[in-house]
N, C-alpha and C. Protein backbone atom coordinates (compact mmCIF):
# COMPACT_ATOMS: atom_id res chain seq x y z
N MET A 1 111.40 58.22 61.28
CA MET A 1 111.99 59.30 62.03
C MET A 1 113.52 59.24 61.88
N ARG A 2 114.11 60.39 61.67
CA ARG A 2 115.55 60.45 61.49
C ARG A 2 116.27 60.36 62.82
N ASP A 3 117.49 59.84 62.74
CA ASP A 3 118.37 59.77 63.90
C ASP A 3 118.61 61.18 64.42
N PRO A 4 118.60 61.39 65.73
CA PRO A 4 118.82 62.74 66.27
C PRO A 4 120.20 63.31 65.92
N ASN A 5 121.14 62.47 65.58
CA ASN A 5 122.48 62.92 65.22
C ASN A 5 122.58 63.31 63.74
N PHE A 6 121.49 63.08 62.99
CA PHE A 6 121.50 63.27 61.54
C PHE A 6 121.92 64.68 61.13
N GLU A 7 121.21 65.69 61.62
CA GLU A 7 121.49 67.08 61.21
C GLU A 7 122.92 67.46 61.56
N GLN A 8 123.36 67.09 62.74
CA GLN A 8 124.71 67.42 63.19
C GLN A 8 125.75 66.77 62.27
N CYS A 9 125.51 65.54 61.88
CA CYS A 9 126.47 64.83 61.04
C CYS A 9 126.52 65.44 59.64
N VAL A 10 125.37 65.71 59.06
CA VAL A 10 125.33 66.31 57.72
C VAL A 10 126.04 67.66 57.73
N GLN A 11 125.75 68.48 58.73
CA GLN A 11 126.38 69.79 58.84
C GLN A 11 127.88 69.66 59.02
N ALA A 12 128.31 68.75 59.88
CA ALA A 12 129.75 68.55 60.12
C ALA A 12 130.45 68.08 58.85
N CYS A 13 129.79 67.22 58.09
CA CYS A 13 130.38 66.72 56.83
C CYS A 13 130.58 67.87 55.84
N TYR A 14 129.55 68.70 55.67
CA TYR A 14 129.67 69.81 54.73
C TYR A 14 130.71 70.84 55.19
N GLU A 15 130.73 71.14 56.48
CA GLU A 15 131.72 72.09 57.00
C GLU A 15 133.13 71.54 56.84
N CYS A 16 133.30 70.26 57.04
CA CYS A 16 134.60 69.63 56.87
C CYS A 16 135.04 69.69 55.41
N ALA A 17 134.13 69.41 54.51
CA ALA A 17 134.46 69.44 53.08
C ALA A 17 134.93 70.83 52.67
N VAL A 18 134.26 71.86 53.13
CA VAL A 18 134.64 73.23 52.79
C VAL A 18 136.02 73.57 53.38
N ALA A 19 136.23 73.19 54.64
CA ALA A 19 137.52 73.46 55.28
C ALA A 19 138.65 72.72 54.58
N CYS A 20 138.39 71.49 54.16
CA CYS A 20 139.40 70.70 53.45
C CYS A 20 139.72 71.32 52.08
N ASP A 21 138.68 71.76 51.38
CA ASP A 21 138.91 72.41 50.09
C ASP A 21 139.76 73.67 50.26
N ALA A 22 139.43 74.46 51.27
CA ALA A 22 140.18 75.69 51.52
C ALA A 22 141.62 75.39 51.91
N CYS A 23 141.82 74.37 52.71
CA CYS A 23 143.17 73.99 53.14
C CYS A 23 144.00 73.52 51.94
N ALA A 24 143.43 72.65 51.14
CA ALA A 24 144.15 72.16 49.96
C ALA A 24 144.52 73.30 49.03
N ALA A 25 143.58 74.21 48.80
CA ALA A 25 143.84 75.36 47.91
C ALA A 25 144.94 76.24 48.49
N ALA A 26 144.91 76.48 49.80
CA ALA A 26 145.94 77.30 50.43
C ALA A 26 147.30 76.62 50.37
N CYS A 27 147.32 75.32 50.58
CA CYS A 27 148.59 74.57 50.50
C CYS A 27 149.19 74.66 49.10
N LEU A 28 148.33 74.65 48.09
CA LEU A 28 148.81 74.75 46.71
C LEU A 28 149.41 76.12 46.41
N GLN A 29 148.96 77.14 47.15
CA GLN A 29 149.50 78.48 46.97
C GLN A 29 150.87 78.63 47.62
N GLU A 30 151.16 77.74 48.55
CA GLU A 30 152.45 77.74 49.23
C GLU A 30 153.39 76.82 48.45
N ASP A 31 154.45 76.41 49.07
CA ASP A 31 155.34 75.41 48.47
C ASP A 31 154.65 74.07 48.60
N ALA A 32 154.02 73.61 47.53
CA ALA A 32 153.16 72.44 47.58
C ALA A 32 153.91 71.13 47.84
N THR A 33 155.19 71.05 47.51
CA THR A 33 155.91 69.79 47.64
C THR A 33 155.88 69.22 49.05
N PRO A 34 156.23 69.98 50.10
CA PRO A 34 156.17 69.39 51.43
C PRO A 34 154.73 69.19 51.93
N MET A 35 153.78 69.79 51.24
CA MET A 35 152.38 69.68 51.65
C MET A 35 151.62 68.65 50.81
N LYS A 36 152.34 67.85 50.05
CA LYS A 36 151.72 66.91 49.13
C LYS A 36 150.74 65.96 49.84
N GLN A 37 151.15 65.39 50.95
CA GLN A 37 150.28 64.46 51.67
C GLN A 37 149.07 65.20 52.25
N CYS A 38 149.28 66.40 52.74
CA CYS A 38 148.19 67.20 53.28
C CYS A 38 147.17 67.51 52.19
N ILE A 39 147.64 67.92 51.04
CA ILE A 39 146.74 68.24 49.92
C ILE A 39 145.95 67.01 49.51
N GLY A 40 146.62 65.88 49.42
CA GLY A 40 145.94 64.64 49.03
C GLY A 40 144.88 64.22 50.02
N LEU A 41 145.20 64.25 51.30
CA LEU A 41 144.22 63.87 52.32
C LEU A 41 143.06 64.85 52.37
N CYS A 42 143.35 66.14 52.24
CA CYS A 42 142.27 67.13 52.24
C CYS A 42 141.32 66.91 51.06
N THR A 43 141.87 66.61 49.92
CA THR A 43 141.05 66.35 48.72
C THR A 43 140.19 65.11 48.91
N ASP A 44 140.79 64.04 49.42
CA ASP A 44 140.03 62.80 49.67
C ASP A 44 138.97 63.02 50.74
N CYS A 45 139.33 63.74 51.77
CA CYS A 45 138.42 63.98 52.88
C CYS A 45 137.21 64.80 52.41
N ALA A 46 137.45 65.84 51.65
CA ALA A 46 136.35 66.65 51.13
C ALA A 46 135.40 65.79 50.29
N ALA A 47 135.95 64.91 49.48
CA ALA A 47 135.13 64.07 48.62
C ALA A 47 134.26 63.11 49.42
N ILE A 48 134.85 62.43 50.40
CA ILE A 48 134.06 61.45 51.17
C ILE A 48 133.05 62.15 52.07
N CYS A 49 133.39 63.33 52.56
CA CYS A 49 132.45 64.08 53.40
C CYS A 49 131.22 64.50 52.59
N ARG A 50 131.43 64.97 51.37
CA ARG A 50 130.30 65.36 50.52
C ARG A 50 129.43 64.15 50.18
N LEU A 51 130.08 63.04 49.87
CA LEU A 51 129.33 61.82 49.56
C LEU A 51 128.53 61.35 50.77
N CYS A 52 129.15 61.36 51.92
CA CYS A 52 128.47 60.93 53.15
C CYS A 52 127.26 61.81 53.44
N ALA A 53 127.44 63.12 53.35
CA ALA A 53 126.32 64.04 53.61
C ALA A 53 125.19 63.82 52.60
N ALA A 54 125.54 63.64 51.34
CA ALA A 54 124.53 63.42 50.31
C ALA A 54 123.77 62.12 50.54
N MET A 55 124.48 61.06 50.88
CA MET A 55 123.82 59.78 51.12
C MET A 55 122.94 59.83 52.37
N LEU A 56 123.39 60.53 53.40
CA LEU A 56 122.55 60.70 54.58
C LEU A 56 121.30 61.49 54.23
N GLY A 57 121.46 62.53 53.43
CA GLY A 57 120.32 63.35 53.04
C GLY A 57 119.27 62.59 52.26
N ARG A 58 119.70 61.63 51.46
CA ARG A 58 118.77 60.80 50.69
C ARG A 58 118.31 59.57 51.46
N ASN A 59 118.86 59.41 52.67
CA ASN A 59 118.60 58.21 53.46
C ASN A 59 119.00 56.97 52.66
N GLY A 60 120.16 57.06 52.02
CA GLY A 60 120.67 55.95 51.21
C GLY A 60 120.90 54.70 52.02
N GLU A 61 120.76 53.58 51.36
CA GLU A 61 120.87 52.28 52.02
C GLU A 61 122.19 52.11 52.78
N PHE A 62 123.27 52.68 52.25
CA PHE A 62 124.59 52.50 52.87
C PHE A 62 125.09 53.77 53.57
N ALA A 63 124.19 54.70 53.82
CA ALA A 63 124.60 55.98 54.41
C ALA A 63 125.28 55.80 55.76
N HIS A 64 124.66 55.05 56.65
CA HIS A 64 125.25 54.86 57.96
C HIS A 64 126.57 54.10 57.86
N ALA A 65 126.64 53.15 56.96
CA ALA A 65 127.87 52.38 56.78
C ALA A 65 129.00 53.27 56.28
N LEU A 66 128.68 54.26 55.47
CA LEU A 66 129.70 55.17 54.94
C LEU A 66 130.26 56.08 56.02
N CYS A 67 129.53 56.25 57.11
CA CYS A 67 130.03 57.09 58.20
C CYS A 67 131.32 56.55 58.80
N THR A 68 131.52 55.24 58.79
CA THR A 68 132.74 54.66 59.36
C THR A 68 133.98 55.05 58.55
N PRO A 69 134.02 54.80 57.24
CA PRO A 69 135.22 55.23 56.51
C PRO A 69 135.35 56.75 56.46
N CYS A 70 134.25 57.47 56.49
CA CYS A 70 134.32 58.93 56.51
C CYS A 70 135.04 59.38 57.79
N ALA A 71 134.68 58.79 58.91
CA ALA A 71 135.34 59.11 60.17
C ALA A 71 136.83 58.77 60.12
N GLN A 72 137.17 57.67 59.49
CA GLN A 72 138.57 57.26 59.39
C GLN A 72 139.38 58.23 58.55
N VAL A 73 138.83 58.66 57.42
CA VAL A 73 139.53 59.62 56.56
C VAL A 73 139.64 60.97 57.26
N CYS A 74 138.58 61.40 57.91
CA CYS A 74 138.62 62.67 58.63
C CYS A 74 139.65 62.63 59.75
N ASP A 75 139.74 61.52 60.45
CA ASP A 75 140.72 61.39 61.52
C ASP A 75 142.14 61.49 60.97
N ALA A 76 142.40 60.81 59.87
CA ALA A 76 143.73 60.86 59.25
C ALA A 76 144.05 62.28 58.77
N CYS A 77 143.07 62.95 58.19
CA CYS A 77 143.27 64.31 57.70
C CYS A 77 143.52 65.26 58.88
N ALA A 78 142.79 65.07 59.96
CA ALA A 78 142.98 65.91 61.15
C ALA A 78 144.40 65.76 61.69
N ARG A 79 144.88 64.53 61.76
CA ARG A 79 146.25 64.29 62.26
C ARG A 79 147.29 64.92 61.34
N GLN A 80 147.07 64.82 60.03
CA GLN A 80 148.02 65.40 59.08
C GLN A 80 148.03 66.92 59.18
N CYS A 81 146.85 67.52 59.22
CA CYS A 81 146.78 68.98 59.27
C CYS A 81 147.27 69.53 60.61
N ALA A 82 147.03 68.80 61.67
CA ALA A 82 147.47 69.25 63.00
C ALA A 82 148.99 69.31 63.10
N ALA A 83 149.67 68.61 62.22
CA ALA A 83 151.14 68.60 62.24
C ALA A 83 151.74 69.86 61.61
N HIS A 84 150.90 70.71 61.02
CA HIS A 84 151.38 71.91 60.35
C HIS A 84 150.97 73.16 61.14
N ASP A 85 151.75 74.21 61.00
CA ASP A 85 151.51 75.45 61.75
C ASP A 85 150.56 76.43 61.07
N ALA A 86 150.28 76.22 59.80
CA ALA A 86 149.45 77.17 59.05
C ALA A 86 148.04 77.24 59.65
N GLU A 87 147.48 78.44 59.68
CA GLU A 87 146.14 78.64 60.23
C GLU A 87 145.09 77.82 59.49
N HIS A 88 145.21 77.73 58.16
CA HIS A 88 144.23 76.96 57.39
C HIS A 88 144.29 75.49 57.75
N CYS A 89 145.47 74.99 58.10
CA CYS A 89 145.60 73.59 58.53
C CYS A 89 144.96 73.39 59.90
N LYS A 90 145.11 74.36 60.78
CA LYS A 90 144.50 74.26 62.11
C LYS A 90 142.97 74.27 61.99
N ILE A 91 142.45 75.14 61.14
CA ILE A 91 141.00 75.20 60.93
C ILE A 91 140.50 73.89 60.35
N CYS A 92 141.23 73.36 59.39
CA CYS A 92 140.87 72.09 58.76
C CYS A 92 140.89 70.96 59.78
N ALA A 93 141.93 70.91 60.59
CA ALA A 93 142.03 69.85 61.61
C ALA A 93 140.83 69.90 62.55
N GLY A 94 140.43 71.09 62.95
CA GLY A 94 139.27 71.23 63.83
C GLY A 94 137.99 70.74 63.19
N ALA A 95 137.79 71.10 61.92
CA ALA A 95 136.60 70.65 61.20
C ALA A 95 136.61 69.14 61.02
N CYS A 96 137.79 68.58 60.77
CA CYS A 96 137.91 67.13 60.60
C CYS A 96 137.61 66.39 61.90
N ILE A 97 138.08 66.93 63.01
CA ILE A 97 137.79 66.30 64.30
C ILE A 97 136.29 66.32 64.58
N ALA A 98 135.66 67.45 64.32
CA ALA A 98 134.21 67.56 64.53
C ALA A 98 133.45 66.56 63.66
N CYS A 99 133.88 66.39 62.44
CA CYS A 99 133.23 65.46 61.53
C CYS A 99 133.47 64.01 61.97
N THR A 100 134.68 63.72 62.40
CA THR A 100 134.99 62.38 62.91
C THR A 100 134.03 62.02 64.04
N LEU A 101 133.88 62.93 64.98
CA LEU A 101 133.01 62.67 66.13
C LEU A 101 131.55 62.54 65.72
N ALA A 102 131.10 63.40 64.81
CA ALA A 102 129.70 63.34 64.35
C ALA A 102 129.43 62.03 63.61
N CYS A 103 130.37 61.60 62.78
CA CYS A 103 130.19 60.34 62.05
C CYS A 103 130.19 59.16 63.01
N ARG A 104 131.05 59.19 63.99
CA ARG A 104 131.07 58.11 64.98
C ARG A 104 129.78 58.07 65.78
N ASP A 105 129.23 59.23 66.09
CA ASP A 105 127.94 59.27 66.79
C ASP A 105 126.84 58.64 65.93
N MET A 106 126.87 58.84 64.63
CA MET A 106 125.87 58.24 63.74
C MET A 106 126.00 56.73 63.74
N VAL A 107 127.22 56.24 63.73
CA VAL A 107 127.46 54.79 63.70
C VAL A 107 127.00 54.15 65.01
N GLU A 108 127.25 54.84 66.11
CA GLU A 108 126.91 54.27 67.42
C GLU A 108 125.45 54.43 67.80
N ALA A 109 124.72 55.26 67.06
CA ALA A 109 123.31 55.52 67.42
C ALA A 109 122.43 54.32 67.08
């Protein structure tokens, strides 16, 4: 039987990855130089979120363990995006916070 937090975590990971991709793409359309750290974190966050969701979906041996670093990257990305006024950064920060919480719930379950 799957953890009751499973569906929520997978969904949060995928939604976060999409929001991060959109944020990074939007930042690249702006003056990318001051957004360099934001773009980098969004790219890393999208990658780990997709990996985490995929491993959870396959019930991979290290899926639950991957939720910890995924939450850490999402938290860092949320803090970085929250520091910017752009709407895409605010949306990304919200998705990252939701994913952080969902991943932490998986670890604590």
